[in-house]
Structures are given as structure tokens and as C-alpha cells.
Amino acid sequence: MKKILITITTFLLVFTANAQLKEFACTPEWVKKIEEIAPEKPVVQPQKERKILIFDKFTGFNHWVVPHTTEVIRLLGEKSGAYKADVCSDLSFFESDKLKKYDAVVLNNNCSVGPRRDQILDMLDEDKSLTEEQKIKKAAELEKNLIEYVRKGGGLMVVHGAIVMQNNSMPFSEMVGGSFDYHPPQQEITLELAEPGHPLTEAFEGRPFVHVDEPYLFNKAYEQKNFRPLLYMDTDKLTNKSKPIDEKIKYVSWIKRFGKGRVFYVSPSHNAQSFEDARLLKFYLNGAQYVLGDFKCDDSPLKK
């Protein structure tokens, strides 16, 4: 009987969290509301005119927040003057000659189809003129282009589900800092500051960030923890876990160096309502400035 009551309670908590956050279109009115609370200026003035590429194509799970996230990242740069943004959903932008025109790339919720988990190959499947061998070769080439772009000094911002883009690729995992494992259902999550005094987390003004989200858990390169953690969650507080979680502390946002480049992973948020907190907007802008090379801060890996 006790077990049944616990199960019912867990279901009600998850249902309530989901019910609080209804999906809605990315309207001009909503974008205007976000623009009003977005930072007026960046923490650091850009060293030069910066340009980023937002890639928001997905082939797998459709996160309803994709258009909202694209608009948030675009307007953060436009309003503050920190950067200008182009938006694309075309694989041709992963050719080396196009990548080099940008200071950084933002991957926005680029979920791939499981179990293969290779979005580049998913997209190439649409080209019926290519043989299977040609598609596999081209997919490997385009993934390598992105990895080499970052290794040689480009910036990379990876938002929420975009960590799943090339989820079975260890080179991609090592560049990003981890791969997606699974997540319990959406629920209210308290994200704590891994390092309250760090310049990037100062956006949260020393307070935890509480919102409704998918509590992402990671594997592969994440186990190395070759990154500087920014936000974490206490896994003991998560509900409806489908399997045991080996660590009490799980990081959901971090920065890291990859070769000469810089990477920022930010899991929040699955829901557009989270962007209605000015602190998260500032955190996103700080992270974008970090990958662009303007926001200098300690990005040394976590000490074991």
C-alpha cells in the first residue's frame, strides 16, 4: 500500500509540473517580452564584431522550445551588441569554408533519431542521389569539419537536446563534454551553482535556479569530467527515476577548452517559460561571450 501511495504521489508531482507549462507558439509578443528583460549590454565589450551561426534543425525528438531558443539567442546578441547571428538548418554550413566565416556555432536542440543517433547521417538520408557508402563518408567528413573548427579556435554553444546530435560519436562526446544517457520525466528542478564566485554563474546572483525541466543525465566523455562545472542538481531530489543514479551530484552546465576552441554546454531549458527569468538570459549571453572568446574566465577542468 505504501509503495502504491508513493507511486501516485510521484505521478501527481510530475503531472502538476507538466500541467504548469503549456506549449505555446513563439509569437512576436513573447519575443518582445523576452527582449524587455534581456541584458542591455554584455558583461564584456566584444574585441571585434562577432558573428555566430545558429543551427536549429532536428531529425529526432521535436523540442517545442526550438524556435523560442533561436529567437532568444538571436535577440541577446542584437540587443546587447555582443554579436550578430545567422540561422540555418542546412548541412552545407558544416563545410569548412562556411564554418570559418563564424566566430562560434550554436547547436539548438538538434536531436537525432535513435538508436543510431547521428543527425548528420539522418539528414543525408534525405538525399536519394547518394549511395549508403557516400552518405556514411560524407557524414563523417561533416562531423570532422565541426570538430576541427572548434579544435582550431572556433566557439561552440550546445543547448539542451543538442548534445544528442551525434550521441554515439566519441569524438563529438569528447568535444562537448559528454553524451546523453536518459532523463526522468519533467519535474521541478533546483539547479545549484557549482562555483558561486565564477564570473559566468554570477548571472544567478548567488541564488539557485528553480524551474521545470527534463533532468538530463550524461555518459561517455562526461565520466572524464574534463570541464569546468557551472550548474548541478542533487539527484537524490529527483523523482520517478527509472534506474539508480550513481552520483548524488550531476552537472547540467559546464564550459571547457577543446584544442584552441571553447565549448559551453547548457541543459536548461526544455520549456520556453524558463527564459522569462532574466538571470537565465544573462547566463546564456555570458556563455555565448565565453565561446566567442570575449569573456575570459577560469575554464580549467574540475579537480578530481
C-alpha atoms as a PDB file:
ATOM      1  CA  MET A   1       0.000   0.000   0.000  1.00  0.00           C
ATOM      2  CA  LYS A   2       2.840   2.392   0.919  1.00  0.00           C
ATOM      3  CA  LYS A   3       4.543   1.706  -2.439  1.00  0.00           C
ATOM      4  CA  ILE A   4       1.299   2.474  -4.296  1.00  0.00           C
ATOM      5  CA  LEU A   5       0.909   5.777  -2.435  1.00  0.00           C
ATOM      6  CA  ILE A   6       4.497   6.786  -3.279  1.00  0.00           C
ATOM      7  CA  THR A   7       3.910   5.956  -6.964  1.00  0.00           C
ATOM      8  CA  ILE A   8       0.700   8.002  -7.025  1.00  0.00           C
ATOM      9  CA  THR A   9       2.439  10.926  -5.300  1.00  0.00           C
ATOM     10  CA  THR A  10       5.299  10.827  -7.811  1.00  0.00           C
ATOM     11  CA  PHE A  11       2.840  10.765 -10.712  1.00  0.00           C
ATOM     12  CA  LEU A  12       0.940  13.743  -9.314  1.00  0.00           C
ATOM     13  CA  LEU A  13       4.149  15.740  -8.850  1.00  0.00           C
ATOM     14  CA  VAL A  14       5.235  15.089 -12.447  1.00  0.00           C
ATOM     15  CA  PHE A  15       1.729  15.728 -13.808  1.00  0.00           C
ATOM     16  CA  THR A  16       1.494  19.013 -11.907  1.00  0.00           C
ATOM     17  CA  ALA A  17       4.894  20.160 -13.191  1.00  0.00           C
ATOM     18  CA  ASN A  18       3.893  19.396 -16.776  1.00  0.00           C
ATOM     19  CA  ALA A  19       0.471  20.992 -16.389  1.00  0.00           C
ATOM     20  CA  GLN A  20       2.065  24.248 -15.263  1.00  0.00           C
ATOM     21  CA  LEU A  21       3.942  24.663 -18.524  1.00  0.00           C
ATOM     22  CA  LYS A  22       1.737  24.572 -21.579  1.00  0.00           C
ATOM     23  CA  GLU A  23       3.295  24.784 -25.019  1.00  0.00           C
ATOM     24  CA  PHE A  24       2.749  27.957 -26.997  1.00  0.00           C
ATOM     25  CA  ALA A  25       3.922  29.472 -30.268  1.00  0.00           C
ATOM     26  CA  CYS A  26       6.923  31.755 -30.485  1.00  0.00           C
ATOM     27  CA  THR A  27       4.936  34.925 -31.137  1.00  0.00           C
ATOM     28  CA  PRO A  28       6.260  38.466 -31.651  1.00  0.00           C
ATOM     29  CA  GLU A  29       4.551  39.348 -28.367  1.00  0.00           C
ATOM     30  CA  TRP A  30       6.509  36.701 -26.457  1.00  0.00           C
ATOM     31  CA  VAL A  31       9.789  37.716 -28.101  1.00  0.00           C
ATOM     32  CA  LYS A  32       9.062  41.340 -27.138  1.00  0.00           C
ATOM     33  CA  LYS A  33       8.533  40.283 -23.522  1.00  0.00           C
ATOM     34  CA  ILE A  34      11.903  38.500 -23.505  1.00  0.00           C
ATOM     35  CA  GLU A  35      13.593  41.459 -25.171  1.00  0.00           C
ATOM     36  CA  GLU A  36      12.382  43.769 -22.407  1.00  0.00           C
ATOM     37  CA  ILE A  37      14.154  41.757 -19.692  1.00  0.00           C
ATOM     38  CA  ALA A  38      17.257  40.763 -21.705  1.00  0.00           C
ATOM     39  CA  PRO A  39      20.567  42.432 -20.758  1.00  0.00           C
ATOM     40  CA  GLU A  40      21.037  45.927 -22.137  1.00  0.00           C
ATOM     41  CA  LYS A  41      24.749  45.328 -22.680  1.00  0.00           C
ATOM     42  CA  PRO A  42      27.194  42.449 -22.372  1.00  0.00           C
ATOM     43  CA  VAL A  43      29.455  41.994 -19.359  1.00  0.00           C
ATOM     44  CA  VAL A  44      32.436  42.294 -21.701  1.00  0.00           C
ATOM     45  CA  GLN A  45      32.604  44.516 -24.757  1.00  0.00           C
ATOM     46  CA  PRO A  46      33.488  42.440 -27.850  1.00  0.00           C
ATOM     47  CA  GLN A  47      37.077  42.704 -29.073  1.00  0.00           C
ATOM     48  CA  LYS A  48      35.708  42.965 -32.598  1.00  0.00           C
ATOM     49  CA  GLU A  49      32.437  42.434 -34.462  1.00  0.00           C
ATOM     50  CA  ARG A  50      31.351  38.888 -33.716  1.00  0.00           C
ATOM     51  CA  LYS A  51      29.209  36.564 -35.795  1.00  0.00           C
ATOM     52  CA  ILE A  52      27.574  33.312 -34.757  1.00  0.00           C
ATOM     53  CA  LEU A  53      25.705  30.581 -36.617  1.00  0.00           C
ATOM     54  CA  ILE A  54      22.593  29.090 -35.002  1.00  0.00           C
ATOM     55  CA  PHE A  55      21.861  25.595 -36.300  1.00  0.00           C
ATOM     56  CA  ASP A  56      18.325  24.574 -35.264  1.00  0.00           C
ATOM     57  CA  LYS A  57      17.467  21.585 -37.445  1.00  0.00           C
ATOM     58  CA  PHE A  58      16.426  18.337 -35.737  1.00  0.00           C
ATOM     59  CA  THR A  59      15.517  14.898 -37.067  1.00  0.00           C
ATOM     60  CA  GLY A  60      14.506  13.178 -33.835  1.00  0.00           C
ATOM     61  CA  PHE A  61      12.524  14.485 -30.878  1.00  0.00           C
ATOM     62  CA  ASN A  62      10.857  17.831 -31.532  1.00  0.00           C
ATOM     63  CA  HIS A  63      11.527  20.127 -28.587  1.00  0.00           C
ATOM     64  CA  TRP A  64       8.766  22.720 -28.826  1.00  0.00           C
ATOM     65  CA  VAL A  65      11.172  25.330 -27.479  1.00  0.00           C
ATOM     66  CA  VAL A  66      13.437  25.284 -30.572  1.00  0.00           C
ATOM     67  CA  PRO A  67      12.046  28.442 -32.239  1.00  0.00           C
ATOM     68  CA  HIS A  68      11.930  30.235 -28.888  1.00  0.00           C
ATOM     69  CA  THR A  69      15.567  29.365 -28.169  1.00  0.00           C
ATOM     70  CA  THR A  70      16.676  30.555 -31.603  1.00  0.00           C
ATOM     71  CA  GLU A  71      14.932  33.894 -31.029  1.00  0.00           C
ATOM     72  CA  VAL A  72      16.388  34.222 -27.526  1.00  0.00           C
ATOM     73  CA  ILE A  73      19.955  33.678 -28.717  1.00  0.00           C
ATOM     74  CA  ARG A  74      19.457  35.976 -31.691  1.00  0.00           C
ATOM     75  CA  LEU A  75      17.990  38.867 -29.686  1.00  0.00           C
ATOM     76  CA  LEU A  76      20.551  38.540 -26.859  1.00  0.00           C
ATOM     77  CA  GLY A  77      23.262  39.418 -29.354  1.00  0.00           C
ATOM     78  CA  GLU A  78      21.210  42.021 -31.187  1.00  0.00           C
ATOM     79  CA  LYS A  79      20.085  43.946 -28.090  1.00  0.00           C
ATOM     80  CA  SER A  80      23.431  43.873 -26.270  1.00  0.00           C
ATOM     81  CA  GLY A  81      25.583  44.348 -29.345  1.00  0.00           C
ATOM     82  CA  ALA A  82      27.670  41.314 -28.368  1.00  0.00           C
ATOM     83  CA  TYR A  83      27.265  39.534 -31.732  1.00  0.00           C
ATOM     84  CA  LYS A  84      25.179  39.126 -34.859  1.00  0.00           C
ATOM     85  CA  ALA A  85      23.511  35.828 -35.670  1.00  0.00           C
ATOM     86  CA  ASP A  86      22.619  33.850 -38.771  1.00  0.00           C
ATOM     87  CA  VAL A  87      20.168  30.948 -38.527  1.00  0.00           C
ATOM     88  CA  CYS A  88      20.367  27.809 -40.662  1.00  0.00           C
ATOM     89  CA  SER A  89      19.012  24.285 -40.957  1.00  0.00           C
ATOM     90  CA  ASP A  90      21.224  23.288 -43.875  1.00  0.00           C
ATOM     91  CA  LEU A  91      24.140  20.842 -43.694  1.00  0.00           C
ATOM     92  CA  SER A  92      26.058  22.897 -46.245  1.00  0.00           C
ATOM     93  CA  PHE A  93      27.005  25.238 -43.382  1.00  0.00           C
ATOM     94  CA  PHE A  94      29.143  22.433 -41.969  1.00  0.00           C
ATOM     95  CA  GLU A  95      31.508  22.721 -44.916  1.00  0.00           C
ATOM     96  CA  SER A  96      34.825  24.143 -43.733  1.00  0.00           C
ATOM     97  CA  ASP A  97      34.707  27.223 -45.965  1.00  0.00           C
ATOM     98  CA  LYS A  98      31.371  28.280 -44.458  1.00  0.00           C
ATOM     99  CA  LEU A  99      32.212  27.462 -40.848  1.00  0.00           C
ATOM    100  CA  LYS A 100      35.292  29.669 -40.889  1.00  0.00           C
ATOM    101  CA  LYS A 101      33.099  32.735 -41.534  1.00  0.00           C
ATOM    102  CA  TYR A 102      31.748  32.460 -37.984  1.00  0.00           C
ATOM    103  CA  ASP A 103      33.305  33.042 -34.571  1.00  0.00           C
ATOM    104  CA  ALA A 104      31.041  30.435 -32.976  1.00  0.00           C
ATOM    105  CA  VAL A 105      28.343  27.875 -33.723  1.00  0.00           C
ATOM    106  CA  VAL A 106      25.245  27.376 -31.568  1.00  0.00           C
ATOM    107  CA  LEU A 107      23.628  23.939 -31.696  1.00  0.00           C
ATOM    108  CA  ASN A 108      19.982  24.332 -30.705  1.00  0.00           C
ATOM    109  CA  ASN A 109      18.245  21.110 -29.601  1.00  0.00           C
ATOM    110  CA  ASN A 110      19.483  19.093 -32.575  1.00  0.00           C
ATOM    111  CA  CYS A 111      18.071  15.738 -31.532  1.00  0.00           C
ATOM    112  CA  SER A 112      18.863  12.785 -33.786  1.00  0.00           C
ATOM    113  CA  VAL A 113      16.852   9.644 -34.445  1.00  0.00           C
ATOM    114  CA  GLY A 114      17.521   6.713 -32.158  1.00  0.00           C
ATOM    115  CA  PRO A 115      19.082   4.272 -31.834  1.00  0.00           C
ATOM    116  CA  ARG A 116      21.613   5.364 -34.491  1.00  0.00           C
ATOM    117  CA  ARG A 117      21.848   8.888 -33.059  1.00  0.00           C
ATOM    118  CA  ASP A 118      23.624  10.510 -35.985  1.00  0.00           C
ATOM    119  CA  GLN A 119      21.739  13.594 -37.144  1.00  0.00           C
ATOM    120  CA  ILE A 120      24.117  14.372 -39.994  1.00  0.00           C
ATOM    121  CA  LEU A 121      23.502  10.915 -41.416  1.00  0.00           C
ATOM    122  CA  ASP A 122      19.766  11.331 -40.766  1.00  0.00           C
ATOM    123  CA  MET A 123      19.760  14.451 -42.922  1.00  0.00           C
ATOM    124  CA  LEU A 124      21.869  12.883 -45.661  1.00  0.00           C
ATOM    125  CA  ASP A 125      19.349  10.035 -45.859  1.00  0.00           C
ATOM    126  CA  GLU A 126      17.009  12.561 -47.458  1.00  0.00           C
ATOM    127  CA  ASP A 127      19.336  12.810 -50.470  1.00  0.00           C
ATOM    128  CA  LYS A 128      18.303   9.847 -52.616  1.00  0.00           C
ATOM    129  CA  SER A 129      21.117  10.520 -55.115  1.00  0.00           C
ATOM    130  CA  LEU A 130      23.731   9.294 -52.625  1.00  0.00           C
ATOM    131  CA  THR A 131      24.674   5.676 -52.051  1.00  0.00           C
ATOM    132  CA  GLU A 132      24.867   4.369 -48.497  1.00  0.00           C
ATOM    133  CA  GLU A 133      28.670   4.398 -48.672  1.00  0.00           C
ATOM    134  CA  GLN A 134      28.685   8.000 -49.896  1.00  0.00           C
ATOM    135  CA  LYS A 135      26.336   9.096 -47.113  1.00  0.00           C
ATOM    136  CA  ILE A 136      28.470   7.473 -44.413  1.00  0.00           C
ATOM    137  CA  LYS A 137      31.637   9.041 -45.818  1.00  0.00           C
ATOM    138  CA  LYS A 138      30.039  12.499 -46.115  1.00  0.00           C
ATOM    139  CA  ALA A 139      28.565  12.337 -42.615  1.00  0.00           C
ATOM    140  CA  ALA A 140      31.971  11.539 -41.152  1.00  0.00           C
ATOM    141  CA  GLU A 141      33.506  14.414 -43.115  1.00  0.00           C
ATOM    142  CA  LEU A 142      30.966  16.991 -41.926  1.00  0.00           C
ATOM    143  CA  GLU A 143      31.218  15.890 -38.297  1.00  0.00           C
ATOM    144  CA  LYS A 144      35.003  16.119 -38.532  1.00  0.00           C
ATOM    145  CA  ASN A 145      34.686  19.618 -40.033  1.00  0.00           C
ATOM    146  CA  LEU A 146      32.791  20.815 -36.963  1.00  0.00           C
ATOM    147  CA  ILE A 147      35.203  19.143 -34.565  1.00  0.00           C
ATOM    148  CA  GLU A 148      38.241  20.597 -36.338  1.00  0.00           C
ATOM    149  CA  TYR A 149      36.577  24.016 -36.485  1.00  0.00           C
ATOM    150  CA  VAL A 150      36.360  24.052 -32.684  1.00  0.00           C
ATOM    151  CA  ARG A 151      39.762  22.437 -32.170  1.00  0.00           C
ATOM    152  CA  LYS A 152      41.385  25.193 -34.238  1.00  0.00           C
ATOM    153  CA  GLY A 153      39.786  28.016 -32.260  1.00  0.00           C
ATOM    154  CA  GLY A 154      36.062  28.239 -33.032  1.00  0.00           C
ATOM    155  CA  GLY A 155      33.445  28.512 -30.325  1.00  0.00           C
ATOM    156  CA  LEU A 156      30.646  26.013 -29.700  1.00  0.00           C
ATOM    157  CA  MET A 157      27.497  26.527 -27.609  1.00  0.00           C
ATOM    158  CA  VAL A 158      25.396  23.387 -27.147  1.00  0.00           C
ATOM    159  CA  VAL A 159      21.838  23.888 -25.897  1.00  0.00           C
ATOM    160  CA  HIS A 160      19.803  21.197 -24.109  1.00  0.00           C
ATOM    161  CA  GLY A 161      18.968  18.362 -26.550  1.00  0.00           C
ATOM    162  CA  ALA A 162      21.738  19.287 -28.993  1.00  0.00           C
ATOM    163  CA  ILE A 163      24.080  17.051 -27.010  1.00  0.00           C
ATOM    164  CA  VAL A 164      22.144  14.184 -28.664  1.00  0.00           C
ATOM    165  CA  MET A 165      23.043  15.332 -32.197  1.00  0.00           C
ATOM    166  CA  GLN A 166      25.931  12.873 -32.675  1.00  0.00           C
ATOM    167  CA  ASN A 167      25.288  10.952 -29.482  1.00  0.00           C
ATOM    168  CA  ASN A 168      27.076   7.717 -30.424  1.00  0.00           C
ATOM    169  CA  SER A 169      30.212   9.523 -31.605  1.00  0.00           C
ATOM    170  CA  MET A 170      33.012   9.515 -29.026  1.00  0.00           C
ATOM    171  CA  PRO A 171      34.915  12.362 -30.757  1.00  0.00           C
ATOM    172  CA  PHE A 172      31.764  14.514 -30.585  1.00  0.00           C
ATOM    173  CA  SER A 173      31.250  13.500 -26.945  1.00  0.00           C
ATOM    174  CA  GLU A 174      34.823  14.452 -26.044  1.00  0.00           C
ATOM    175  CA  MET A 175      34.426  17.830 -27.735  1.00  0.00           C
ATOM    176  CA  VAL A 176      31.126  18.607 -25.994  1.00  0.00           C
ATOM    177  CA  GLY A 177      31.998  17.074 -22.618  1.00  0.00           C
ATOM    178  CA  GLY A 178      29.524  14.223 -22.566  1.00  0.00           C
ATOM    179  CA  SER A 179      26.701  12.362 -24.274  1.00  0.00           C
ATOM    180  CA  PHE A 180      23.035  11.965 -23.376  1.00  0.00           C
ATOM    181  CA  ASP A 181      22.140   8.936 -21.269  1.00  0.00           C
ATOM    182  CA  TYR A 182      18.500   9.427 -20.254  1.00  0.00           C
ATOM    183  CA  HIS A 183      16.234  11.692 -18.252  1.00  0.00           C
ATOM    184  CA  PRO A 184      13.408  11.118 -15.775  1.00  0.00           C
ATOM    185  CA  PRO A 185      10.120  12.882 -16.640  1.00  0.00           C
ATOM    186  CA  GLN A 186       9.851  16.649 -16.462  1.00  0.00           C
ATOM    187  CA  GLN A 187       9.690  17.988 -12.929  1.00  0.00           C
ATOM    188  CA  GLU A 188      10.655  20.974 -10.843  1.00  0.00           C
ATOM    189  CA  ILE A 189      14.436  21.040 -10.584  1.00  0.00           C
ATOM    190  CA  THR A 190      16.633  23.137  -8.340  1.00  0.00           C
ATOM    191  CA  LEU A 191      19.903  23.928 -10.078  1.00  0.00           C
ATOM    192  CA  GLU A 192      22.688  24.897  -7.709  1.00  0.00           C
ATOM    193  CA  LEU A 193      25.758  26.945  -8.563  1.00  0.00           C
ATOM    194  CA  ALA A 194      28.805  24.698  -8.790  1.00  0.00           C
ATOM    195  CA  GLU A 195      31.035  27.705  -8.175  1.00  0.00           C
ATOM    196  CA  PRO A 196      29.073  30.756  -6.915  1.00  0.00           C
ATOM    197  CA  GLY A 197      32.045  33.078  -7.398  1.00  0.00           C
ATOM    198  CA  HIS A 198      32.657  32.109 -11.001  1.00  0.00           C
ATOM    199  CA  PRO A 199      32.117  35.015 -13.436  1.00  0.00           C
ATOM    200  CA  LEU A 200      29.641  33.063 -15.584  1.00  0.00           C
ATOM    201  CA  THR A 201      27.429  31.937 -12.675  1.00  0.00           C
ATOM    202  CA  GLU A 202      27.298  35.452 -11.231  1.00  0.00           C
ATOM    203  CA  ALA A 203      24.313  35.849 -13.569  1.00  0.00           C
ATOM    204  CA  PHE A 204      22.263  33.966 -10.944  1.00  0.00           C
ATOM    205  CA  GLU A 205      23.125  36.469  -8.203  1.00  0.00           C
ATOM    206  CA  GLY A 206      24.161  33.732  -5.791  1.00  0.00           C
ATOM    207  CA  ARG A 207      20.764  32.004  -5.832  1.00  0.00           C
ATOM    208  CA  PRO A 208      19.708  28.572  -7.165  1.00  0.00           C
ATOM    209  CA  PHE A 209      17.736  28.481 -10.413  1.00  0.00           C
ATOM    210  CA  VAL A 210      14.433  26.669  -9.907  1.00  0.00           C
ATOM    211  CA  HIS A 211      12.382  25.701 -12.944  1.00  0.00           C
ATOM    212  CA  VAL A 212      10.534  22.823 -14.620  1.00  0.00           C
ATOM    213  CA  ASP A 213      12.747  20.857 -16.967  1.00  0.00           C
ATOM    214  CA  GLU A 214      13.939  17.454 -18.111  1.00  0.00           C
ATOM    215  CA  PRO A 215      16.731  16.415 -15.708  1.00  0.00           C
ATOM    216  CA  TYR A 216      19.335  15.317 -18.243  1.00  0.00           C
ATOM    217  CA  LEU A 217      21.870  12.674 -17.243  1.00  0.00           C
ATOM    218  CA  PHE A 218      25.026  12.003 -19.239  1.00  0.00           C
ATOM    219  CA  ASN A 219      27.566   9.308 -20.081  1.00  0.00           C
ATOM    220  CA  LYS A 220      30.607   8.647 -22.321  1.00  0.00           C
ATOM    221  CA  ALA A 221      33.016  11.609 -22.074  1.00  0.00           C
ATOM    222  CA  TYR A 222      31.045  13.010 -19.131  1.00  0.00           C
ATOM    223  CA  GLU A 223      32.679  10.364 -16.951  1.00  0.00           C
ATOM    224  CA  GLN A 224      36.034  12.094 -17.527  1.00  0.00           C
ATOM    225  CA  LYS A 225      34.605  15.387 -16.198  1.00  0.00           C
ATOM    226  CA  ASN A 226      37.119  17.238 -18.313  1.00  0.00           C
ATOM    227  CA  PHE A 227      35.273  20.524 -17.903  1.00  0.00           C
ATOM    228  CA  ARG A 228      34.608  23.416 -15.511  1.00  0.00           C
ATOM    229  CA  PRO A 229      31.168  22.772 -13.956  1.00  0.00           C
ATOM    230  CA  LEU A 230      28.719  25.655 -13.657  1.00  0.00           C
ATOM    231  CA  LEU A 231      25.335  24.218 -12.596  1.00  0.00           C
ATOM    232  CA  TYR A 232      24.406  20.956 -10.889  1.00  0.00           C
ATOM    233  CA  MET A 233      21.398  19.136  -9.484  1.00  0.00           C
ATOM    234  CA  ASP A 234      21.036  16.868  -6.459  1.00  0.00           C
ATOM    235  CA  THR A 235      19.913  13.530  -7.907  1.00  0.00           C
ATOM    236  CA  ASP A 236      18.504  12.425  -4.527  1.00  0.00           C
ATOM    237  CA  LYS A 237      15.783  15.021  -5.057  1.00  0.00           C
ATOM    238  CA  LEU A 238      14.749  13.733  -8.496  1.00  0.00           C
ATOM    239  CA  THR A 239      11.507  11.782  -8.733  1.00  0.00           C
ATOM    240  CA  ASN A 240      10.403   8.874 -10.911  1.00  0.00           C
ATOM    241  CA  LYS A 241      13.922   7.650 -11.737  1.00  0.00           C
ATOM    242  CA  SER A 242      13.803   4.587 -13.994  1.00  0.00           C
ATOM    243  CA  LYS A 243      17.174   3.296 -12.803  1.00  0.00           C
ATOM    244  CA  PRO A 244      19.635   4.062  -9.999  1.00  0.00           C
ATOM    245  CA  ILE A 245      21.865   7.124 -10.420  1.00  0.00           C
ATOM    246  CA  ASP A 246      25.440   6.520  -9.371  1.00  0.00           C
ATOM    247  CA  GLU A 247      26.255  10.036  -8.165  1.00  0.00           C
ATOM    248  CA  LYS A 248      24.414  12.467  -5.911  1.00  0.00           C
ATOM    249  CA  ILE A 249      25.778  15.467  -7.830  1.00  0.00           C
ATOM    250  CA  LYS A 250      25.153  15.664 -11.577  1.00  0.00           C
ATOM    251  CA  TYR A 251      26.275  18.637 -13.628  1.00  0.00           C
ATOM    252  CA  VAL A 252      23.932  20.124 -16.225  1.00  0.00           C
ATOM    253  CA  SER A 253      26.042  23.037 -17.495  1.00  0.00           C
ATOM    254  CA  TRP A 254      29.763  23.499 -17.985  1.00  0.00           C
ATOM    255  CA  ILE A 255      32.500  25.162 -20.009  1.00  0.00           C
ATOM    256  CA  LYS A 256      35.651  23.602 -21.399  1.00  0.00           C
ATOM    257  CA  ARG A 257      38.548  24.106 -23.740  1.00  0.00           C
ATOM    258  CA  PHE A 258      38.819  21.877 -26.769  1.00  0.00           C
ATOM    259  CA  GLY A 259      42.108  22.428 -28.524  1.00  0.00           C
ATOM    260  CA  LYS A 260      42.221  26.182 -29.144  1.00  0.00           C
ATOM    261  CA  GLY A 261      38.419  26.441 -29.034  1.00  0.00           C
ATOM    262  CA  ARG A 262      35.872  26.920 -26.268  1.00  0.00           C
ATOM    263  CA  VAL A 263      32.695  24.943 -25.519  1.00  0.00           C
ATOM    264  CA  PHE A 264      29.653  25.880 -23.397  1.00  0.00           C
ATOM    265  CA  TYR A 265      27.012  23.263 -22.638  1.00  0.00           C
ATOM    266  CA  VAL A 266      23.748  24.449 -21.089  1.00  0.00           C
ATOM    267  CA  SER A 267      20.948  21.979 -20.387  1.00  0.00           C
ATOM    268  CA  PRO A 268      18.236  24.379 -19.220  1.00  0.00           C
ATOM    269  CA  SER A 269      15.772  24.657 -20.758  1.00  0.00           C
ATOM    270  CA  HIS A 270      13.192  22.332 -22.274  1.00  0.00           C
ATOM    271  CA  ASN A 271      10.458  24.933 -21.736  1.00  0.00           C
ATOM    272  CA  ALA A 272      10.280  28.486 -23.061  1.00  0.00           C
ATOM    273  CA  GLN A 273       8.887  29.701 -19.727  1.00  0.00           C
ATOM    274  CA  SER A 274      12.367  29.352 -18.191  1.00  0.00           C
ATOM    275  CA  PHE A 275      13.603  32.191 -20.403  1.00  0.00           C
ATOM    276  CA  GLU A 276      11.200  34.524 -18.635  1.00  0.00           C
ATOM    277  CA  ASP A 277      13.779  34.745 -15.840  1.00  0.00           C
ATOM    278  CA  ALA A 278      16.307  37.486 -16.636  1.00  0.00           C
ATOM    279  CA  ARG A 279      19.036  35.537 -14.847  1.00  0.00           C
ATOM    280  CA  LEU A 280      18.915  32.679 -17.351  1.00  0.00           C
ATOM    281  CA  LEU A 281      19.070  35.174 -20.224  1.00  0.00           C
ATOM    282  CA  LYS A 282      22.197  36.739 -18.741  1.00  0.00           C
ATOM    283  CA  PHE A 283      23.720  33.287 -18.216  1.00  0.00           C
ATOM    284  CA  TYR A 284      23.111  32.417 -21.883  1.00  0.00           C
ATOM    285  CA  LEU A 285      24.690  35.684 -23.001  1.00  0.00           C
ATOM    286  CA  ASN A 286      27.691  35.159 -20.727  1.00  0.00           C
ATOM    287  CA  GLY A 287      28.147  31.663 -22.138  1.00  0.00           C
ATOM    288  CA  ALA A 288      27.890  32.929 -25.710  1.00  0.00           C
ATOM    289  CA  GLN A 289      30.533  35.560 -24.968  1.00  0.00           C
ATOM    290  CA  TYR A 290      32.746  32.872 -23.454  1.00  0.00           C
ATOM    291  CA  VAL A 291      32.696  30.703 -26.586  1.00  0.00           C
ATOM    292  CA  LEU A 292      33.257  33.804 -28.734  1.00  0.00           C
ATOM    293  CA  GLY A 293      36.473  34.439 -26.797  1.00  0.00           C
ATOM    294  CA  ASP A 294      35.456  37.783 -25.289  1.00  0.00           C
ATOM    295  CA  PHE A 295      34.523  36.638 -21.774  1.00  0.00           C
ATOM    296  CA  LYS A 296      37.792  35.476 -20.204  1.00  0.00           C
ATOM    297  CA  CYS A 297      37.378  33.246 -17.160  1.00  0.00           C
ATOM    298  CA  ASP A 298      38.760  30.141 -15.484  1.00  0.00           C
ATOM    299  CA  ASP A 299      37.827  27.170 -17.664  1.00  0.00           C
ATOM    300  CA  SER A 300      40.300  24.701 -16.205  1.00  0.00           C
ATOM    301  CA  PRO A 301      38.855  21.199 -15.692  1.00  0.00           C
ATOM    302  CA  LEU A 302      37.235  20.040 -12.475  1.00  0.00           C
ATOM    303  CA  LYS A 303      39.819  18.883  -9.969  1.00  0.00           C
ATOM    304  CA  LYS A 304      39.339  15.228  -9.229  1.00  0.00           C
END
